[in-house]
Amino acid sequence: MVVIVVYIMYSVLEGFVLMWFLKMTVVMLLILIMSPGVVVGDGFSVTFENPNPCALRGSSVEFRCSYEYPDGEVVNKTSWSKGATKDGRWTRTELSSLPSYQSRVEYLGDQQHNCSLAIYDLQDNDTGYYYFRFDTHDYGWRSKGSVYLSLAEPTASVYPESVRAGGNVTLTCKTSCTLPATIVWFRDGQPVDKAEFQARAEDAGNYSCAVEGQESVRSDPVALDVLYPPVSVLVEASAPGSLAEGSSVNLSCSSAANPAADSYTWFRRTGSPGSSSLLQVGSGQMLSLPSLEPCHTGHYLCQARNPLGENNSTELLLLVEMTEMNRSEPTASVYPESVRAGGNVTLTCKTSCTLPATIVWFRDGQPVDKAEFQARAEDAGNYSCAVEGQESVRSDPVALDVLYPPVSVLVEASAPGSLAEGSSVNLSCSSAANPAADSYTWFRRTGSPGSSSLLQVGSGQMLSLPSLEPSHTGHYLCQARNPLGENNSTELLLLVEMTETDRLIILVGIGVKVFAVLVLPVVMAWAWRKDSAADKEESSPTYESISGSKCYGQDSRVIEEETTV
Protein backbone atom coordinates (compact mmCIF):
# COMPACT_ATOMS: atom_id res chain seq x y z
CA MET A 1 0.00 0.00 0.00
CA VAL A 2 2.91 2.34 0.70
CA VAL A 3 4.16 1.77 -2.82
CA ILE A 4 0.70 2.56 -4.21
CA VAL A 5 0.42 5.79 -2.20
CA VAL A 6 3.86 6.89 -3.29
CA TYR A 7 3.03 6.03 -6.85
CA ILE A 8 -0.27 8.06 -6.71
CA MET A 9 1.49 11.08 -5.30
CA TYR A 10 4.10 10.83 -7.97
CA SER A 11 1.44 10.60 -10.70
CA VAL A 12 -0.43 13.61 -9.33
CA LEU A 13 2.70 15.61 -9.36
CA GLU A 14 3.32 14.56 -12.94
CA GLY A 15 -0.21 15.45 -13.98
CA PHE A 16 -1.12 12.02 -15.19
CA VAL A 17 -3.79 11.19 -12.64
CA LEU A 18 -6.24 9.66 -15.07
CA MET A 19 -3.65 7.56 -16.82
CA TRP A 20 -2.35 6.28 -13.48
CA PHE A 21 -5.82 5.36 -12.27
CA LEU A 22 -6.46 3.27 -15.35
CA LYS A 23 -3.12 1.51 -15.04
CA MET A 24 -3.57 0.70 -11.35
CA THR A 25 -7.05 -0.65 -11.94
CA VAL A 26 -5.74 -3.08 -14.54
CA VAL A 27 -2.83 -4.09 -12.31
CA MET A 28 -5.02 -4.77 -9.30
CA LEU A 29 -7.45 -6.82 -11.36
CA LEU A 30 -4.58 -8.88 -12.77
CA ILE A 31 -3.18 -9.48 -9.28
CA LEU A 32 -6.50 -10.65 -7.94
CA ILE A 33 -7.17 -12.87 -10.92
CA MET A 34 -3.70 -14.50 -10.86
CA SER A 35 -3.67 -15.14 -7.09
CA PRO A 36 -4.10 -18.95 -6.56
CA GLY A 37 -7.35 -20.07 -5.00
CA VAL A 38 -8.94 -16.61 -5.00
CA VAL A 39 -11.70 -15.31 -7.29
CA VAL A 40 -12.98 -11.81 -6.75
CA GLY A 41 -15.71 -9.97 -8.49
CA ASP A 42 -17.93 -7.32 -7.08
CA GLY A 43 -17.33 -8.60 -3.52
CA PHE A 44 -17.41 -12.30 -4.44
CA SER A 45 -14.32 -14.44 -3.58
CA VAL A 46 -13.25 -18.04 -2.93
CA THR A 47 -10.11 -18.86 -0.88
CA PHE A 48 -8.42 -22.28 -0.63
CA GLU A 49 -6.22 -22.76 2.47
CA ASN A 50 -3.98 -25.34 0.75
CA PRO A 51 -4.31 -25.33 -3.04
CA ASN A 52 -1.88 -28.29 -3.43
CA PRO A 53 -2.66 -30.98 -0.85
CA CYS A 54 -0.91 -34.37 -0.90
CA ALA A 55 -2.35 -37.45 0.79
CA LEU A 56 -1.71 -41.15 1.04
CA ARG A 57 -3.62 -43.52 -1.16
CA GLY A 58 -6.36 -45.12 0.93
CA SER A 59 -6.39 -42.29 3.48
CA SER A 60 -8.62 -39.19 3.74
CA VAL A 61 -8.10 -35.56 2.80
CA GLU A 62 -9.85 -32.29 3.67
CA PHE A 63 -9.94 -29.23 1.41
CA ARG A 64 -10.24 -26.23 3.75
CA CYS A 65 -12.08 -23.50 1.92
CA SER A 66 -13.87 -20.20 2.61
CA TYR A 67 -15.95 -17.88 0.38
CA GLU A 68 -17.27 -14.31 0.54
CA TYR A 69 -20.16 -12.41 -1.15
CA PRO A 70 -21.70 -8.96 -0.90
CA ASP A 71 -24.05 -8.08 1.91
CA GLY A 72 -27.69 -8.64 1.05
CA GLU A 73 -26.97 -11.76 -1.02
CA VAL A 74 -28.28 -15.13 0.21
CA VAL A 75 -26.53 -18.38 -0.78
CA ASN A 76 -28.95 -21.11 -1.73
CA LYS A 77 -26.64 -23.71 -3.32
CA THR A 78 -23.02 -24.92 -3.04
CA SER A 79 -21.20 -27.60 -5.03
CA TRP A 80 -17.76 -29.06 -5.73
CA SER A 81 -16.64 -30.15 -9.18
CA LYS A 82 -13.69 -31.96 -10.65
CA GLY A 83 -11.98 -30.75 -13.80
CA ALA A 84 -11.15 -33.07 -16.67
CA THR A 85 -10.53 -32.93 -20.40
CA LYS A 86 -13.42 -34.22 -22.45
CA ASP A 87 -13.51 -34.19 -26.23
CA GLY A 88 -10.51 -31.90 -26.21
CA ARG A 89 -12.18 -29.39 -23.90
CA TRP A 90 -11.66 -28.73 -20.22
CA THR A 91 -14.87 -29.40 -18.40
CA ARG A 92 -16.06 -29.41 -14.80
CA THR A 93 -18.27 -32.19 -13.48
CA GLU A 94 -19.99 -32.03 -10.12
CA LEU A 95 -18.80 -34.71 -7.69
CA SER A 96 -22.36 -35.61 -6.81
CA SER A 97 -22.87 -36.85 -10.37
CA LEU A 98 -19.74 -39.02 -10.43
CA PRO A 99 -20.43 -42.63 -9.25
CA SER A 100 -16.85 -43.18 -8.01
CA TYR A 101 -17.34 -40.47 -5.37
CA GLN A 102 -20.61 -41.74 -3.99
CA SER A 103 -20.40 -42.27 -0.21
CA ARG A 104 -16.78 -41.07 -0.24
CA VAL A 105 -17.39 -37.29 -0.31
CA GLU A 106 -18.67 -35.14 2.54
CA TYR A 107 -19.36 -31.42 2.37
CA LEU A 108 -18.10 -29.97 5.65
CA GLY A 109 -19.07 -26.39 4.90
CA ASP A 110 -22.29 -24.44 5.05
CA GLN A 111 -24.15 -21.80 3.06
CA GLN A 112 -22.56 -18.96 4.94
CA HIS A 113 -18.81 -18.77 4.39
CA ASN A 114 -17.32 -22.28 4.93
CA CYS A 115 -16.87 -24.39 1.83
CA SER A 116 -14.59 -27.20 3.18
CA LEU A 117 -14.80 -30.66 1.61
CA ALA A 118 -13.64 -34.14 2.76
CA ILE A 119 -12.85 -37.11 0.51
CA TYR A 120 -12.39 -40.56 2.08
CA ASP A 121 -10.63 -43.73 0.96
CA LEU A 122 -8.59 -41.93 -1.66
CA GLN A 123 -8.07 -43.81 -4.93
CA ASP A 124 -5.73 -43.35 -7.86
CA ASN A 125 -8.37 -41.55 -10.00
CA ASP A 126 -8.94 -38.99 -7.23
CA THR A 127 -5.84 -37.14 -8.36
CA GLY A 128 -6.67 -33.89 -10.18
CA TYR A 129 -8.18 -30.37 -10.00
CA TYR A 130 -11.18 -29.52 -7.81
CA TYR A 131 -13.37 -26.38 -8.03
CA PHE A 132 -15.98 -24.80 -5.78
CA ARG A 133 -19.19 -23.01 -6.84
CA PHE A 134 -21.91 -21.20 -4.91
CA ASP A 135 -25.17 -19.64 -6.11
CA THR A 136 -27.31 -16.84 -4.74
CA HIS A 137 -30.75 -15.75 -5.83
CA ASP A 138 -29.22 -13.42 -8.37
CA TYR A 139 -25.81 -14.83 -9.21
CA GLY A 140 -23.84 -18.00 -9.63
CA TRP A 141 -20.07 -17.91 -8.86
CA ARG A 142 -17.44 -20.53 -9.44
CA SER A 143 -13.77 -20.39 -8.48
CA LYS A 144 -11.28 -19.63 -11.16
CA GLY A 145 -8.56 -21.10 -8.99
CA SER A 146 -8.58 -24.75 -7.92
CA VAL A 147 -7.29 -27.34 -5.48
CA TYR A 148 -4.89 -29.85 -7.02
CA LEU A 149 -4.84 -33.16 -5.15
CA SER A 150 -1.87 -35.48 -5.56
CA LEU A 151 -1.75 -38.98 -4.09
CA ALA A 152 1.20 -40.88 -2.66
CA GLU A 153 1.81 -44.22 -1.03
CA PRO A 154 4.68 -45.25 1.26
CA THR A 155 7.49 -47.24 -0.30
CA ALA A 156 9.52 -49.52 1.97
CA SER A 157 13.09 -50.67 1.45
CA VAL A 158 15.45 -52.80 3.52
CA TYR A 159 19.23 -52.73 3.33
CA PRO A 160 20.77 -55.17 2.86
CA GLU A 161 18.05 -57.47 1.65
CA SER A 162 20.14 -60.51 2.57
CA VAL A 163 22.33 -60.40 5.68
CA ARG A 164 24.18 -62.86 7.89
CA ALA A 165 22.93 -63.13 11.46
CA GLY A 166 24.61 -60.42 13.51
CA GLY A 167 24.87 -57.97 10.60
CA ASN A 168 23.29 -54.50 10.66
CA VAL A 169 19.93 -53.86 8.93
CA THR A 170 18.33 -50.49 8.09
CA LEU A 171 14.66 -50.02 7.14
CA THR A 172 13.69 -46.95 5.06
CA CYS A 173 10.21 -45.62 4.19
CA LYS A 174 9.65 -42.95 1.52
CA THR A 175 6.64 -41.18 -0.05
CA SER A 176 6.34 -39.06 -3.20
CA CYS A 177 5.34 -36.05 -1.09
CA THR A 178 6.59 -34.77 2.19
CA LEU A 179 4.40 -35.87 5.06
CA PRO A 180 5.12 -34.49 8.54
CA ALA A 181 4.36 -37.81 10.16
CA THR A 182 5.88 -40.64 12.21
CA ILE A 183 6.61 -43.86 10.34
CA VAL A 184 5.65 -47.21 11.84
CA TRP A 185 6.94 -50.63 10.70
CA PHE A 186 5.46 -54.11 10.49
CA ARG A 187 7.07 -57.54 10.00
CA ASP A 188 4.63 -60.11 8.66
CA GLY A 189 1.83 -57.85 9.91
CA GLN A 190 3.23 -57.47 13.44
CA PRO A 191 4.61 -54.13 14.74
CA VAL A 192 8.38 -53.66 14.78
CA ASP A 193 10.07 -51.43 17.36
CA LYS A 194 13.19 -50.28 15.51
CA ALA A 195 14.13 -49.37 11.97
CA GLU A 196 17.81 -50.21 12.63
CA PHE A 197 18.93 -53.44 14.30
CA GLN A 198 21.35 -56.35 14.28
CA ALA A 199 19.78 -59.22 12.41
CA ARG A 200 18.76 -62.41 14.17
CA ALA A 201 17.29 -65.52 12.61
CA GLU A 202 13.82 -64.55 13.80
CA ASP A 203 14.08 -61.13 12.10
CA ALA A 204 13.64 -62.66 8.64
CA GLY A 205 10.29 -61.83 7.03
CA ASN A 206 8.29 -59.29 4.98
CA TYR A 207 8.48 -55.66 6.14
CA SER A 208 6.02 -52.86 5.36
CA CYS A 209 5.67 -49.27 6.59
CA ALA A 210 2.84 -46.81 7.22
CA VAL A 211 2.21 -43.35 8.60
CA GLU A 212 1.27 -43.33 12.26
CA GLY A 213 -2.45 -42.79 12.58
CA GLN A 214 -3.00 -44.27 9.12
CA GLU A 215 -1.69 -47.77 9.76
CA SER A 216 -4.30 -49.24 7.43
CA VAL A 217 -2.47 -47.70 4.47
CA ARG A 218 0.76 -49.72 4.24
CA SER A 219 3.48 -50.00 1.69
CA ASP A 220 4.05 -53.06 -0.42
CA PRO A 221 6.09 -55.58 1.61
CA VAL A 222 9.83 -56.05 1.11
CA ALA A 223 11.61 -59.21 2.23
CA LEU A 224 14.60 -59.50 4.59
CA ASP A 225 16.58 -62.73 4.30
CA VAL A 226 18.73 -63.59 7.37
CA LEU A 227 21.43 -66.22 6.79
CA TYR A 228 22.72 -68.38 9.67
CA PRO A 229 24.37 -71.77 10.27
CA PRO A 230 22.37 -74.70 11.67
CA VAL A 231 20.87 -74.14 15.12
CA SER A 232 18.50 -76.17 17.31
CA VAL A 233 19.87 -79.43 15.91
CA LEU A 234 17.65 -82.25 17.22
CA VAL A 235 17.85 -86.06 17.11
CA GLU A 236 14.72 -88.19 17.44
CA ALA A 237 14.33 -91.98 17.51
CA SER A 238 11.45 -93.81 15.84
CA ALA A 239 11.27 -96.10 18.90
CA PRO A 240 12.48 -94.34 22.04
CA GLY A 241 13.55 -96.11 25.22
CA SER A 242 15.16 -99.54 25.62
CA LEU A 243 15.20 -101.69 22.48
CA ALA A 244 15.33 -105.45 22.14
CA GLU A 245 18.27 -107.09 20.47
CA GLY A 246 17.42 -107.80 16.81
CA SER A 247 14.82 -105.01 16.55
CA SER A 248 15.23 -101.94 14.31
CA VAL A 249 15.24 -98.20 14.84
CA ASN A 250 15.60 -95.05 12.74
CA LEU A 251 17.28 -91.91 14.04
CA SER A 252 16.28 -88.64 12.31
CA CYS A 253 18.09 -85.29 12.48
CA SER A 254 16.51 -81.85 12.04
CA SER A 255 17.77 -78.28 12.36
CA ALA A 256 16.91 -74.67 11.64
CA ALA A 257 19.29 -73.07 9.13
CA ASN A 258 19.35 -70.59 6.25
CA PRO A 259 20.24 -71.86 3.76
CA ALA A 260 18.96 -75.26 4.86
CA ALA A 261 21.52 -77.79 6.08
CA ASP A 262 22.93 -79.74 3.14
CA SER A 263 25.04 -82.24 5.10
CA TYR A 264 24.30 -84.50 8.08
CA THR A 265 26.89 -86.72 9.80
CA TRP A 266 26.21 -89.25 12.58
CA PHE A 267 28.52 -90.09 15.47
CA ARG A 268 28.47 -92.48 18.42
CA ARG A 269 30.50 -91.62 21.48
CA THR A 270 32.91 -94.44 22.28
CA GLY A 271 33.68 -93.13 25.77
CA SER A 272 31.69 -91.54 28.56
CA PRO A 273 29.53 -88.47 27.71
CA GLY A 274 31.71 -85.37 27.53
CA SER A 275 34.64 -87.30 26.08
CA SER A 276 36.02 -86.22 22.70
CA SER A 277 36.12 -89.82 21.50
CA LEU A 278 33.56 -89.81 18.64
CA LEU A 279 33.15 -92.57 16.07
CA GLN A 280 31.46 -91.72 12.75
CA VAL A 281 28.66 -94.23 12.09
CA GLY A 282 26.73 -92.76 9.15
CA SER A 283 25.58 -89.78 7.08
CA GLY A 284 22.34 -88.33 5.78
CA GLN A 285 19.36 -86.88 7.58
CA MET A 286 18.32 -90.35 8.79
CA LEU A 287 20.40 -93.16 10.31
CA SER A 288 18.81 -96.62 9.98
CA LEU A 289 19.79 -99.48 12.29
CA PRO A 290 17.82 -102.49 10.95
CA SER A 291 19.10 -105.23 13.27
CA LEU A 292 20.23 -104.02 16.65
CA GLU A 293 23.06 -105.58 18.60
CA PRO A 294 24.21 -104.81 22.14
CA CYS A 295 27.17 -103.05 20.53
CA HIS A 296 24.75 -100.46 19.13
CA THR A 297 24.20 -99.24 22.69
CA GLY A 298 25.69 -95.77 23.11
CA HIS A 299 25.20 -92.02 22.87
CA TYR A 300 24.38 -90.83 19.35
CA LEU A 301 24.59 -87.31 17.99
CA CYS A 302 24.06 -85.63 14.63
CA GLN A 303 26.16 -82.86 13.08
CA ALA A 304 24.29 -80.56 10.65
CA ARG A 305 26.21 -78.34 8.23
CA ASN A 306 25.50 -75.61 5.66
CA PRO A 307 27.88 -73.22 3.83
CA LEU A 308 27.90 -70.90 6.87
CA GLY A 309 28.95 -73.45 9.47
CA GLU A 310 28.00 -76.51 11.47
CA ASN A 311 26.46 -77.45 14.79
CA ASN A 312 25.93 -80.62 16.83
CA SER A 313 22.78 -81.97 18.38
CA THR A 314 22.51 -83.03 21.98
CA GLU A 315 23.32 -86.71 22.57
CA LEU A 316 20.64 -89.42 22.50
CA LEU A 317 21.21 -92.62 24.49
CA LEU A 318 20.30 -95.75 22.54
CA LEU A 319 20.01 -98.77 24.85
CA VAL A 320 19.88 -102.30 23.39
CA GLU A 321 18.90 -105.12 25.77
CA MET A 322 20.72 -108.44 25.24
CA THR A 323 18.77 -111.67 25.11
CA GLU A 324 19.62 -114.39 27.63
CA MET A 325 20.88 -116.59 24.79
CA ASN A 326 23.50 -114.04 23.72
CA ARG A 327 24.32 -112.76 27.17
CA SER A 328 28.08 -113.55 27.11
CA GLU A 329 30.58 -111.86 29.37
CA PRO A 330 33.34 -109.66 27.87
CA THR A 331 36.97 -110.54 28.46
CA ALA A 332 39.35 -108.06 30.11
CA SER A 333 43.13 -107.94 29.94
CA VAL A 334 45.76 -105.57 31.30
CA TYR A 335 49.22 -105.05 29.87
CA PRO A 336 51.61 -105.33 31.54
CA GLU A 337 50.16 -107.08 34.56
CA SER A 338 53.08 -105.90 36.70
CA VAL A 339 54.53 -102.45 36.08
CA ARG A 340 56.80 -100.03 37.86
CA ALA A 341 55.14 -96.74 38.92
CA GLY A 342 55.31 -94.29 36.00
CA GLY A 343 55.12 -97.03 33.37
CA ASN A 344 52.38 -97.16 30.74
CA VAL A 345 49.36 -99.47 31.21
CA THR A 346 46.79 -100.47 28.56
CA LEU A 347 43.41 -102.04 29.36
CA THR A 348 41.77 -104.15 26.64
CA CYS A 349 38.22 -105.53 26.54
CA LYS A 350 36.95 -108.03 23.99
CA THR A 351 33.26 -108.68 23.33
CA SER A 352 31.15 -110.70 20.93
CA CYS A 353 29.95 -107.47 19.25
CA THR A 354 30.54 -107.10 15.51
CA LEU A 355 30.60 -103.29 15.89
CA PRO A 356 32.97 -101.14 17.92
CA ALA A 357 31.30 -100.95 21.31
CA THR A 358 31.53 -98.29 23.99
CA ILE A 359 33.47 -99.96 26.80
CA VAL A 360 33.36 -98.92 30.44
CA TRP A 361 35.99 -99.98 33.02
CA PHE A 362 35.94 -100.62 36.75
CA ARG A 363 38.75 -100.94 39.33
CA ASP A 364 37.69 -102.81 42.43
CA GLY A 365 34.09 -102.08 41.43
CA GLN A 366 34.60 -98.31 40.93
CA PRO A 367 34.39 -96.63 37.48
CA VAL A 368 37.69 -95.82 35.73
CA ASP A 369 37.98 -92.90 33.28
CA LYS A 370 40.74 -94.11 30.96
CA ALA A 371 41.87 -97.38 29.43
CA GLU A 372 45.43 -96.10 28.95
CA PHE A 373 47.39 -94.36 31.71
CA GLN A 374 50.70 -94.03 33.51
CA ALA A 375 50.63 -96.28 36.55
CA ARG A 376 50.59 -94.86 40.07
CA ALA A 377 50.68 -96.78 43.32
CA GLU A 378 46.94 -96.23 43.83
CA ASP A 379 46.18 -97.72 40.38
CA ALA A 380 46.92 -101.24 41.62
CA GLY A 381 43.81 -103.41 41.88
CA ASN A 382 41.41 -105.70 40.04
CA TYR A 383 40.04 -104.41 36.71
CA SER A 384 36.87 -105.52 34.89
CA CYS A 385 35.06 -104.21 31.78
CA ALA A 386 31.52 -104.06 30.36
CA VAL A 387 29.64 -102.71 27.34
CA GLU A 388 28.06 -99.33 28.06
CA GLY A 389 24.40 -99.83 28.82
CA GLN A 390 25.12 -103.43 29.91
CA GLU A 391 27.18 -102.64 33.00
CA SER A 392 25.57 -105.51 34.92
CA VAL A 393 27.40 -108.00 32.66
CA ARG A 394 31.08 -107.56 33.51
CA SER A 395 34.22 -109.47 32.68
CA ASP A 396 36.17 -111.50 35.19
CA PRO A 397 38.61 -109.22 37.03
CA VAL A 398 42.28 -109.05 36.09
CA ALA A 399 44.91 -107.75 38.52
CA LEU A 400 47.35 -104.90 37.97
CA ASP A 401 50.43 -104.93 40.21
CA VAL A 402 52.21 -101.57 40.52
CA LEU A 403 55.78 -101.74 41.86
CA TYR A 404 57.41 -98.79 43.60
CA PRO A 405 60.23 -98.03 46.07
CA PRO A 406 59.47 -97.13 49.71
CA VAL A 407 57.40 -93.99 50.15
CA SER A 408 55.83 -92.29 53.18
CA VAL A 409 58.63 -93.54 55.45
CA LEU A 410 57.62 -92.79 59.05
CA VAL A 411 59.42 -93.02 62.43
CA GLU A 412 57.43 -93.35 65.66
CA ALA A 413 58.67 -93.52 69.29
CA SER A 414 57.12 -95.81 71.91
CA ALA A 415 57.41 -92.96 74.43
CA PRO A 416 57.21 -89.58 72.73
CA GLY A 417 58.44 -86.35 74.30
CA SER A 418 61.32 -85.82 76.78
CA LEU A 419 62.73 -89.00 78.33
CA ALA A 420 64.45 -89.48 81.68
CA GLU A 421 68.00 -90.69 81.84
CA GLY A 422 68.04 -94.43 82.43
CA SER A 423 64.64 -95.03 80.86
CA SER A 424 64.08 -97.02 77.64
CA VAL A 425 62.46 -96.28 74.27
CA ASN A 426 61.80 -98.13 71.03
CA LEU A 427 61.83 -96.37 67.65
CA SER A 428 59.81 -98.13 64.90
CA CYS A 429 60.02 -97.50 61.12
CA SER A 430 57.19 -98.05 58.61
CA SER A 431 56.76 -97.38 54.88
CA ALA A 432 54.56 -98.09 51.85
CA ALA A 433 56.39 -100.08 49.19
CA ASN A 434 55.82 -102.80 46.61
CA PRO A 435 57.56 -105.13 47.19
CA ALA A 436 57.68 -104.37 50.92
CA ALA A 437 60.87 -102.81 52.29
CA ASP A 438 63.39 -105.54 53.22
CA SER A 439 66.03 -103.33 54.83
CA TYR A 440 65.89 -100.61 57.49
CA THR A 441 68.90 -98.58 58.66
CA TRP A 442 68.94 -96.08 61.55
CA PHE A 443 70.94 -92.88 61.74
CA ARG A 444 71.48 -90.12 64.28
CA ARG A 445 72.49 -86.69 63.07
CA THR A 446 75.66 -85.54 64.74
CA GLY A 447 75.23 -81.94 63.64
CA SER A 448 72.32 -79.54 63.28
CA PRO A 449 69.19 -80.70 61.37
CA GLY A 450 69.79 -80.51 57.66
CA SER A 451 73.48 -81.31 57.99
CA SER A 452 74.83 -84.29 56.03
CA SER A 453 76.65 -85.56 59.11
CA LEU A 454 74.84 -88.83 59.85
CA LEU A 455 76.00 -91.55 62.23
CA GLN A 456 74.62 -95.05 61.72
CA VAL A 457 73.26 -96.29 65.04
CA GLY A 458 71.38 -99.51 64.13
CA SER A 459 69.40 -101.58 61.65
CA GLY A 460 66.08 -103.38 61.46
CA GLN A 461 62.54 -102.13 61.52
CA MET A 462 62.90 -101.28 65.24
CA LEU A 463 65.69 -99.50 67.12
CA SER A 464 65.73 -100.30 70.89
CA LEU A 465 67.45 -98.00 73.39
CA PRO A 466 67.06 -99.86 76.77
CA SER A 467 68.98 -97.46 79.05
CA LEU A 468 69.03 -93.92 77.86
CA GLU A 469 71.93 -91.61 78.47
CA PRO A 470 72.22 -87.89 77.71
CA SER A 471 74.47 -88.84 74.81
CA HIS A 472 71.44 -90.49 73.14
CA THR A 473 69.88 -87.03 72.66
CA GLY A 474 69.71 -86.19 68.95
CA HIS A 475 67.74 -86.33 65.65
CA TYR A 476 66.98 -89.89 64.49
CA LEU A 477 65.89 -91.01 61.03
CA CYS A 478 65.19 -94.31 59.32
CA GLN A 479 66.15 -95.36 55.79
CA ALA A 480 63.83 -97.96 54.18
CA ARG A 481 64.97 -99.95 51.15
CA ASN A 482 63.56 -102.49 48.70
CA PRO A 483 64.93 -103.77 45.36
CA LEU A 484 63.54 -100.70 43.56
CA GLY A 485 65.18 -98.05 45.75
CA GLU A 486 65.34 -96.41 49.13
CA ASN A 487 63.87 -93.45 50.94
CA ASN A 488 64.45 -91.65 54.26
CA SER A 489 61.97 -90.73 56.93
CA THR A 490 61.67 -87.28 58.40
CA GLU A 491 63.85 -86.72 61.51
CA LEU A 492 62.58 -87.38 65.04
CA LEU A 493 64.12 -85.46 67.96
CA LEU A 494 64.93 -87.68 70.98
CA LEU A 495 65.61 -85.62 74.13
CA VAL A 496 67.12 -87.34 77.25
CA GLU A 497 67.05 -85.35 80.52
CA MET A 498 69.97 -85.74 83.03
CA THR A 499 69.61 -86.69 86.77
CA GLU A 500 70.38 -84.19 89.61
CA THR A 501 73.63 -86.05 90.50
CA ASP A 502 74.82 -85.74 86.94
CA ARG A 503 73.92 -82.08 87.00
CA LEU A 504 76.06 -81.58 90.22
CA ILE A 505 78.99 -83.45 88.71
CA ILE A 506 78.77 -81.33 85.62
CA LEU A 507 78.65 -78.16 87.72
CA VAL A 508 81.72 -79.26 89.72
CA GLY A 509 83.49 -80.11 86.56
CA ILE A 510 82.62 -76.72 85.16
CA GLY A 511 83.97 -75.10 88.38
CA VAL A 512 87.23 -77.02 88.13
CA LYS A 513 87.59 -75.98 84.54
CA VAL A 514 86.91 -72.34 85.46
CA PHE A 515 89.51 -72.56 88.27
CA ALA A 516 92.02 -74.18 85.99
CA VAL A 517 91.45 -71.66 83.26
CA LEU A 518 91.09 -68.43 85.26
CA VAL A 519 92.42 -68.75 88.89
CA LEU A 520 95.38 -71.12 88.51
CA PRO A 521 97.23 -68.93 85.98
CA VAL A 522 96.88 -65.93 88.35
CA VAL A 523 98.28 -67.90 91.32
CA MET A 524 101.16 -69.20 89.29
CA ALA A 525 102.00 -65.70 88.04
CA TRP A 526 101.99 -64.37 91.61
CA ALA A 527 104.32 -67.16 92.82
CA TRP A 528 106.71 -66.56 89.98
CA ARG A 529 107.01 -62.84 90.75
CA LYS A 530 107.66 -63.62 94.39
CA ASP A 531 110.50 -65.95 93.54
CA SER A 532 112.01 -63.35 91.21
CA ALA A 533 112.03 -60.68 93.97
CA ALA A 534 113.80 -63.06 96.40
CA ASP A 535 116.54 -63.79 93.90
CA LYS A 536 117.23 -60.09 93.41
CA GLU A 537 117.54 -59.50 97.12
CA GLU A 538 120.24 -62.20 97.54
CA SER A 539 122.40 -60.95 94.68
CA SER A 540 122.62 -57.21 95.83
CA PRO A 541 126.18 -55.94 97.32
CA THR A 542 126.57 -55.13 101.07
CA TYR A 543 128.09 -51.80 102.03
CA GLU A 544 129.67 -50.88 105.36
CA SER A 545 129.42 -47.45 106.92
CA ILE A 546 132.68 -45.44 106.44
CA SER A 547 133.30 -42.36 108.48
CA GLY A 548 135.28 -39.24 107.54
CA SER A 549 134.91 -36.60 104.94
CA LYS A 550 137.71 -37.99 102.97
CA CYS A 551 135.52 -40.71 101.71
CA TYR A 552 132.32 -38.63 101.15
CA GLY A 553 132.69 -38.43 97.53
CA GLN A 554 133.23 -42.15 97.28
CA ASP A 555 130.10 -42.86 99.31
CA SER A 556 128.08 -40.75 96.96
CA ARG A 557 129.27 -42.72 94.03
CA VAL A 558 128.38 -45.98 95.67
CA ILE A 559 124.89 -44.79 96.40
CA GLU A 560 124.46 -43.67 92.82
CA GLU A 561 125.58 -47.00 91.50
CA GLU A 562 123.27 -48.81 93.86
CA THR A 563 120.46 -46.70 92.68
CA THR A 564 121.37 -47.39 89.14
CA VAL A 565 121.43 -51.08 89.81
Foldseek 3Di string as FASTA:
>chain_A
DVVVVVVCVVCVVVVNNVVVVVVVVVVVVVVQQPPAQWDDDQFKIKHWPAQEDEEAQQAKDKTWIWITHDPPWFWDDKFKWFWDADPNDIDTDTPVPDVVQPPQKDFPADRPITGMIMGGNHDQVVFGWMKMWIDTPVDIDIDPHTRGYHYKAKAKDKPPQEEEQQAKIAIDIDIPDDDPFDKWKDFVRHTDDDRIDGDDQVPWGWMWMDTPVPVVRIHGTGTHHYFYKWDPKDKDKPDDDEAEAFAKIKIFIATDGVVGFPWKWKWFALEPPPDPRIDTDDIDRMDIDHGHDQQVFTWMKMWTGDPRGIDIYGTGTYAYDYDPVQLDAKAKDKPPQEEEQQAKIAIDIDDPDPDNFRKWKDFVRHTDRDRMDGDDQVVWGWMWMDGVNPVVRIHGTGTHHYFYKWDPKAKDKPDDDEAEAFAKIKIFIATDGVVGFPWKWKWFAPDDPPDPRIDTDDIDRMDIDHGHDQVPFTWMKMWTGDPRGIDIYGTDTYGYDYDPVVVVVVVVVVVVVCCVVPVVVVVVVVVVVVVVVVVVVVVQDDDDDDDDPVCVVVVVVVVVVSVVD
